[in-house]
Amino acid sequence: MDFISRLEMVLSLILLVSLGINVLLFVYSRNVAQRLVLISQEINDLRAAAASFATHVKSVYEMEMFYGDQTLQSLMDHARSFREYMDEFDYIYIPEEEEADAETPEIEEV
């Protein structure tokens, strides 16, 4: 009988340790997931700001007094290449469900 109670005690201790580890892993996983969602939202905001900037530069470039300006053309090309660079990271941070629903502002190519 002494062996069984000792076995029950060891198994109970193992169960408690296992439960504790599982709770800690759950809290850690939830924390990591929340951080990833926050990073995803911030990157999406950055992409929207870059797209807005590129649209603004394009509209200034198309104004009659600035049409053909090389500096604005270079700035517009740089904004477009930056937007394309940001588009490469879509697969990293946009969950598959959101990818279909994602509404990112599109910029006309010049």
C-alpha atoms as a PDB file:
ATOM      1  CA  MET A   1       0.000   0.000   0.000  1.00  0.00           C
ATOM      2  CA  ASP A   2       2.890   2.297   0.678  1.00  0.00           C
ATOM      3  CA  PHE A   3       4.065   1.878  -2.935  1.00  0.00           C
ATOM      4  CA  ILE A   4       0.665   2.895  -4.378  1.00  0.00           C
ATOM      5  CA  SER A   5       0.364   6.035  -2.263  1.00  0.00           C
ATOM      6  CA  ARG A   6       3.903   6.996  -3.202  1.00  0.00           C
ATOM      7  CA  LEU A   7       3.068   6.385  -6.875  1.00  0.00           C
ATOM      8  CA  GLU A   8      -0.097   8.488  -6.533  1.00  0.00           C
ATOM      9  CA  MET A   9       1.928  11.246  -4.948  1.00  0.00           C
ATOM     10  CA  VAL A  10       4.534  11.227  -7.736  1.00  0.00           C
ATOM     11  CA  LEU A  11       1.849  11.147 -10.428  1.00  0.00           C
ATOM     12  CA  SER A  12      -0.022  13.997  -8.740  1.00  0.00           C
ATOM     13  CA  LEU A  13       3.166  16.057  -8.616  1.00  0.00           C
ATOM     14  CA  ILE A  14       3.877  15.345 -12.287  1.00  0.00           C
ATOM     15  CA  LEU A  15       0.300  16.334 -13.129  1.00  0.00           C
ATOM     16  CA  LEU A  16       0.620  19.632 -11.261  1.00  0.00           C
ATOM     17  CA  VAL A  17       3.948  20.441 -12.923  1.00  0.00           C
ATOM     18  CA  SER A  18       2.489  19.593 -16.323  1.00  0.00           C
ATOM     19  CA  LEU A  19      -0.560  21.778 -15.715  1.00  0.00           C
ATOM     20  CA  GLY A  20       1.672  24.653 -14.606  1.00  0.00           C
ATOM     21  CA  ILE A  21       3.849  24.359 -17.703  1.00  0.00           C
ATOM     22  CA  ASN A  22       0.775  24.206 -19.957  1.00  0.00           C
ATOM     23  CA  VAL A  23      -0.696  27.345 -18.384  1.00  0.00           C
ATOM     24  CA  LEU A  24       2.607  29.186 -18.795  1.00  0.00           C
ATOM     25  CA  LEU A  25       2.891  28.099 -22.430  1.00  0.00           C
ATOM     26  CA  PHE A  26      -0.691  29.202 -23.095  1.00  0.00           C
ATOM     27  CA  VAL A  27      -0.062  32.661 -21.608  1.00  0.00           C
ATOM     28  CA  TYR A  28       3.205  32.994 -23.537  1.00  0.00           C
ATOM     29  CA  SER A  29       1.572  31.905 -26.819  1.00  0.00           C
ATOM     30  CA  ARG A  30      -1.279  34.350 -26.341  1.00  0.00           C
ATOM     31  CA  ASN A  31       1.189  37.158 -25.653  1.00  0.00           C
ATOM     32  CA  VAL A  32       3.214  36.349 -28.760  1.00  0.00           C
ATOM     33  CA  ALA A  33       0.067  36.200 -30.905  1.00  0.00           C
ATOM     34  CA  GLN A  34      -1.054  39.612 -29.616  1.00  0.00           C
ATOM     35  CA  ARG A  35       2.336  41.092 -30.464  1.00  0.00           C
ATOM     36  CA  LEU A  36       2.202  39.629 -33.962  1.00  0.00           C
ATOM     37  CA  VAL A  37      -1.248  41.116 -34.533  1.00  0.00           C
ATOM     38  CA  LEU A  38       0.028  44.508 -33.359  1.00  0.00           C
ATOM     39  CA  ILE A  39       3.033  44.287 -35.680  1.00  0.00           C
ATOM     40  CA  SER A  40       0.745  43.297 -38.539  1.00  0.00           C
ATOM     41  CA  GLN A  41      -1.462  46.332 -37.942  1.00  0.00           C
ATOM     42  CA  GLU A  42       1.525  48.670 -37.730  1.00  0.00           C
ATOM     43  CA  ILE A  43       3.008  47.337 -40.963  1.00  0.00           C
ATOM     44  CA  ASN A  44      -0.371  47.715 -42.656  1.00  0.00           C
ATOM     45  CA  ASP A  45      -0.505  51.349 -41.467  1.00  0.00           C
ATOM     46  CA  LEU A  46       3.010  51.884 -42.807  1.00  0.00           C
ATOM     47  CA  ARG A  47       1.990  50.468 -46.179  1.00  0.00           C
ATOM     48  CA  ALA A  48      -1.040  52.767 -46.285  1.00  0.00           C
ATOM     49  CA  ALA A  49       1.130  55.786 -45.452  1.00  0.00           C
ATOM     50  CA  ALA A  50       3.635  54.848 -48.156  1.00  0.00           C
ATOM     51  CA  ALA A  51       0.833  54.437 -50.692  1.00  0.00           C
ATOM     52  CA  SER A  52      -0.649  57.795 -49.687  1.00  0.00           C
ATOM     53  CA  PHE A  53       2.755  59.439 -50.034  1.00  0.00           C
ATOM     54  CA  ALA A  54       3.285  57.934 -53.474  1.00  0.00           C
ATOM     55  CA  THR A  55      -0.160  59.123 -54.580  1.00  0.00           C
ATOM     56  CA  HIS A  56       0.589  62.619 -53.313  1.00  0.00           C
ATOM     57  CA  VAL A  57       3.941  62.767 -55.108  1.00  0.00           C
ATOM     58  CA  LYS A  58       2.265  61.559 -58.283  1.00  0.00           C
ATOM     59  CA  SER A  59      -0.410  64.243 -58.053  1.00  0.00           C
ATOM     60  CA  VAL A  60       2.259  66.948 -57.530  1.00  0.00           C
ATOM     61  CA  TYR A  61       4.293  65.546 -60.421  1.00  0.00           C
ATOM     62  CA  GLU A  62       1.258  65.726 -62.701  1.00  0.00           C
ATOM     63  CA  MET A  63       0.680  69.414 -61.926  1.00  0.00           C
ATOM     64  CA  GLU A  64       1.410  71.582 -64.906  1.00  0.00           C
ATOM     65  CA  MET A  65       4.155  73.611 -63.222  1.00  0.00           C
ATOM     66  CA  PHE A  66       6.065  70.472 -62.080  1.00  0.00           C
ATOM     67  CA  TYR A  67       5.407  68.152 -65.036  1.00  0.00           C
ATOM     68  CA  GLY A  68       8.654  66.556 -66.172  1.00  0.00           C
ATOM     69  CA  ASP A  69      10.700  67.577 -63.128  1.00  0.00           C
ATOM     70  CA  GLN A  70      13.460  64.989 -62.722  1.00  0.00           C
ATOM     71  CA  THR A  71      13.630  65.313 -58.947  1.00  0.00           C
ATOM     72  CA  LEU A  72       9.931  64.574 -58.575  1.00  0.00           C
ATOM     73  CA  GLN A  73      10.227  61.766 -61.106  1.00  0.00           C
ATOM     74  CA  SER A  74      13.018  60.203 -59.034  1.00  0.00           C
ATOM     75  CA  LEU A  75      11.008  60.665 -55.848  1.00  0.00           C
ATOM     76  CA  MET A  76       7.994  59.055 -57.486  1.00  0.00           C
ATOM     77  CA  ASP A  77      10.095  56.113 -58.701  1.00  0.00           C
ATOM     78  CA  HIS A  78      11.544  55.705 -55.229  1.00  0.00           C
ATOM     79  CA  ALA A  79       8.060  55.770 -53.645  1.00  0.00           C
ATOM     80  CA  ARG A  80       6.863  53.155 -56.133  1.00  0.00           C
ATOM     81  CA  SER A  81       9.848  50.878 -55.492  1.00  0.00           C
ATOM     82  CA  PHE A  82       9.326  51.246 -51.732  1.00  0.00           C
ATOM     83  CA  ARG A  83       5.663  50.261 -52.101  1.00  0.00           C
ATOM     84  CA  GLU A  84       6.670  47.229 -54.176  1.00  0.00           C
ATOM     85  CA  TYR A  85       9.245  46.313 -51.534  1.00  0.00           C
ATOM     86  CA  MET A  86       6.558  46.501 -48.831  1.00  0.00           C
ATOM     87  CA  ASP A  87       4.263  44.323 -50.969  1.00  0.00           C
ATOM     88  CA  GLU A  88       6.870  41.550 -50.802  1.00  0.00           C
ATOM     89  CA  PHE A  89       6.163  41.182 -47.072  1.00  0.00           C
ATOM     90  CA  ASP A  90       2.441  40.521 -47.456  1.00  0.00           C
ATOM     91  CA  TYR A  91       2.922  36.780 -47.118  1.00  0.00           C
ATOM     92  CA  ILE A  92       4.652  37.239 -43.755  1.00  0.00           C
ATOM     93  CA  TYR A  93       2.166  39.231 -41.753  1.00  0.00           C
ATOM     94  CA  ILE A  94      -1.255  39.065 -43.425  1.00  0.00           C
ATOM     95  CA  PRO A  95      -3.219  36.026 -42.260  1.00  0.00           C
ATOM     96  CA  GLU A  96      -4.855  34.103 -45.091  1.00  0.00           C
ATOM     97  CA  GLU A  97      -8.375  35.177 -44.065  1.00  0.00           C
ATOM     98  CA  GLU A  98      -7.415  38.852 -44.129  1.00  0.00           C
ATOM     99  CA  GLU A  99      -5.500  38.531 -47.385  1.00  0.00           C
ATOM    100  CA  ALA A 100      -8.698  38.083 -49.354  1.00  0.00           C
ATOM    101  CA  ASP A 101     -10.338  41.010 -47.553  1.00  0.00           C
ATOM    102  CA  ALA A 102      -7.309  43.322 -47.545  1.00  0.00           C
ATOM    103  CA  GLU A 103      -8.068  46.668 -49.065  1.00  0.00           C
ATOM    104  CA  THR A 104      -4.783  48.385 -49.692  1.00  0.00           C
ATOM    105  CA  PRO A 105      -4.798  51.568 -51.719  1.00  0.00           C
ATOM    106  CA  GLU A 106      -3.523  50.949 -55.196  1.00  0.00           C
ATOM    107  CA  ILE A 107      -1.380  53.460 -57.037  1.00  0.00           C
ATOM    108  CA  GLU A 108      -1.558  53.873 -60.773  1.00  0.00           C
ATOM    109  CA  GLU A 109       1.670  53.099 -62.534  1.00  0.00           C
ATOM    110  CA  VAL A 110       3.273  55.974 -64.422  1.00  0.00           C
END
